[in-house]
Amino acid sequence: MNLLFSEEAASLASHIETSAYLAPGELVSTAPLFSAGIIDSMSLIELIAFTEKRFDIRVPAEDITLDNWDSLERILAYIARKRG
């Protein structure tokens, strides 16, 4: 299943939009989140906690990288890899 078009992806996008004070539907899946300043380090930690709870995964410290967390698309790919 492609997570990018799932209800789970929509809930993650909505969470990011709310946290970043973006309008609903404003978040583009490839938009850089952290490197463009849409979210800061505290928001990233909160996003990781939300993701762990919502998707029932554990995120070790070594996985907290821009490659995994700098866009909705990258986060969803990371979740898909974690789920196997």
C-alpha atoms as a PDB file:
ATOM      1  CA  MET A   1       0.000   0.000   0.000  1.00  0.00           C
ATOM      2  CA  ASN A   2       1.285   3.446  -0.894  1.00  0.00           C
ATOM      3  CA  LEU A   3       1.255   5.441   2.335  1.00  0.00           C
ATOM      4  CA  LEU A   4       1.415   8.758   0.463  1.00  0.00           C
ATOM      5  CA  PHE A   5      -2.274   8.513  -0.465  1.00  0.00           C
ATOM      6  CA  SER A   6      -3.596   6.855   2.665  1.00  0.00           C
ATOM      7  CA  GLU A   7      -5.733   8.041   5.550  1.00  0.00           C
ATOM      8  CA  GLU A   8      -2.615   7.707   7.696  1.00  0.00           C
ATOM      9  CA  ALA A   9      -0.746  10.122   5.428  1.00  0.00           C
ATOM     10  CA  ALA A  10      -3.639  12.562   5.653  1.00  0.00           C
ATOM     11  CA  SER A  11      -3.547  12.422   9.456  1.00  0.00           C
ATOM     12  CA  LEU A  12       0.207  13.017   9.478  1.00  0.00           C
ATOM     13  CA  ALA A  13      -0.109  15.926   7.029  1.00  0.00           C
ATOM     14  CA  SER A  14      -2.887  17.431   9.114  1.00  0.00           C
ATOM     15  CA  HIS A  15      -0.778  17.118  12.248  1.00  0.00           C
ATOM     16  CA  ILE A  16       2.172  18.852  10.599  1.00  0.00           C
ATOM     17  CA  GLU A  17      -0.051  21.617   9.219  1.00  0.00           C
ATOM     18  CA  THR A  18      -1.575  22.235  12.633  1.00  0.00           C
ATOM     19  CA  SER A  19       1.818  22.236  14.376  1.00  0.00           C
ATOM     20  CA  ALA A  20       3.325  24.582  11.770  1.00  0.00           C
ATOM     21  CA  TYR A  21       0.262  26.873  11.614  1.00  0.00           C
ATOM     22  CA  LEU A  22      -0.309  26.069   7.952  1.00  0.00           C
ATOM     23  CA  ALA A  23      -3.727  26.142   6.321  1.00  0.00           C
ATOM     24  CA  PRO A  24      -5.379  22.762   5.720  1.00  0.00           C
ATOM     25  CA  GLY A  25      -4.093  21.369   2.437  1.00  0.00           C
ATOM     26  CA  GLU A  26      -1.186  23.839   2.302  1.00  0.00           C
ATOM     27  CA  LEU A  27       1.536  21.265   2.985  1.00  0.00           C
ATOM     28  CA  VAL A  28       3.180  19.868  -0.152  1.00  0.00           C
ATOM     29  CA  SER A  29       4.454  16.312   0.339  1.00  0.00           C
ATOM     30  CA  THR A  30       7.934  17.174  -0.949  1.00  0.00           C
ATOM     31  CA  ALA A  31       8.295  20.519   0.861  1.00  0.00           C
ATOM     32  CA  PRO A  32      11.341  20.636   3.150  1.00  0.00           C
ATOM     33  CA  LEU A  33      10.093  20.892   6.721  1.00  0.00           C
ATOM     34  CA  PHE A  34      13.102  21.338   8.944  1.00  0.00           C
ATOM     35  CA  SER A  35      15.652  22.718   6.498  1.00  0.00           C
ATOM     36  CA  ALA A  36      13.189  25.417   5.324  1.00  0.00           C
ATOM     37  CA  GLY A  37      12.189  26.352   8.865  1.00  0.00           C
ATOM     38  CA  ILE A  38       8.588  25.118   8.638  1.00  0.00           C
ATOM     39  CA  ILE A  39       9.251  23.146  11.816  1.00  0.00           C
ATOM     40  CA  ASP A  40      11.968  23.647  14.418  1.00  0.00           C
ATOM     41  CA  SER A  41      13.813  21.147  16.602  1.00  0.00           C
ATOM     42  CA  MET A  42      11.122  21.103  19.286  1.00  0.00           C
ATOM     43  CA  SER A  43       8.424  20.584  16.658  1.00  0.00           C
ATOM     44  CA  LEU A  44      10.481  17.769  15.170  1.00  0.00           C
ATOM     45  CA  ILE A  45      10.678  15.983  18.520  1.00  0.00           C
ATOM     46  CA  GLU A  46       6.909  16.347  18.941  1.00  0.00           C
ATOM     47  CA  LEU A  47       6.362  15.096  15.375  1.00  0.00           C
ATOM     48  CA  ILE A  48       8.495  12.044  16.075  1.00  0.00           C
ATOM     49  CA  ALA A  49       6.506  11.306  19.247  1.00  0.00           C
ATOM     50  CA  PHE A  50       3.239  11.669  17.303  1.00  0.00           C
ATOM     51  CA  THR A  51       4.551   9.394  14.551  1.00  0.00           C
ATOM     52  CA  GLU A  52       5.669   6.726  17.007  1.00  0.00           C
ATOM     53  CA  LYS A  53       2.252   6.669  18.637  1.00  0.00           C
ATOM     54  CA  ARG A  54       0.141   6.996  15.474  1.00  0.00           C
ATOM     55  CA  PHE A  55       2.077   4.435  13.421  1.00  0.00           C
ATOM     56  CA  ASP A  56       3.134   2.142  16.279  1.00  0.00           C
ATOM     57  CA  ILE A  57       6.842   2.342  15.494  1.00  0.00           C
ATOM     58  CA  ARG A  58       9.977   3.179  17.487  1.00  0.00           C
ATOM     59  CA  VAL A  59      12.373   5.818  16.182  1.00  0.00           C
ATOM     60  CA  PRO A  60      15.937   5.360  17.416  1.00  0.00           C
ATOM     61  CA  ALA A  61      18.155   8.439  17.688  1.00  0.00           C
ATOM     62  CA  GLU A  62      20.268   7.375  14.715  1.00  0.00           C
ATOM     63  CA  ASP A  63      17.175   7.557  12.474  1.00  0.00           C
ATOM     64  CA  ILE A  64      16.539  11.226  13.261  1.00  0.00           C
ATOM     65  CA  THR A  65      18.090  12.653  10.101  1.00  0.00           C
ATOM     66  CA  LEU A  66      16.994  15.009   7.341  1.00  0.00           C
ATOM     67  CA  ASP A  67      16.961  12.015   4.999  1.00  0.00           C
ATOM     68  CA  ASN A  68      14.118  10.556   7.090  1.00  0.00           C
ATOM     69  CA  TRP A  69      12.341  13.615   8.515  1.00  0.00           C
ATOM     70  CA  ASP A  70      12.651  16.624   6.182  1.00  0.00           C
ATOM     71  CA  SER A  71       9.407  16.211   4.222  1.00  0.00           C
ATOM     72  CA  LEU A  72       6.090  14.427   4.456  1.00  0.00           C
ATOM     73  CA  GLU A  73       7.178  12.167   1.620  1.00  0.00           C
ATOM     74  CA  ARG A  74      10.417  11.237   3.418  1.00  0.00           C
ATOM     75  CA  ILE A  75       8.609  10.599   6.696  1.00  0.00           C
ATOM     76  CA  LEU A  76       6.112   8.304   4.988  1.00  0.00           C
ATOM     77  CA  ALA A  77       8.921   6.419   3.228  1.00  0.00           C
ATOM     78  CA  TYR A  78      10.652   6.036   6.585  1.00  0.00           C
ATOM     79  CA  ILE A  79       7.466   4.691   8.171  1.00  0.00           C
ATOM     80  CA  ALA A  80       7.032   2.222   5.315  1.00  0.00           C
ATOM     81  CA  ARG A  81      10.608   0.961   5.798  1.00  0.00           C
ATOM     82  CA  LYS A  82      10.107   0.620   9.557  1.00  0.00           C
ATOM     83  CA  ARG A  83       6.961  -1.406   9.025  1.00  0.00           C
ATOM     84  CA  GLY A  84       8.728  -3.706   6.584  1.00  0.00           C
END
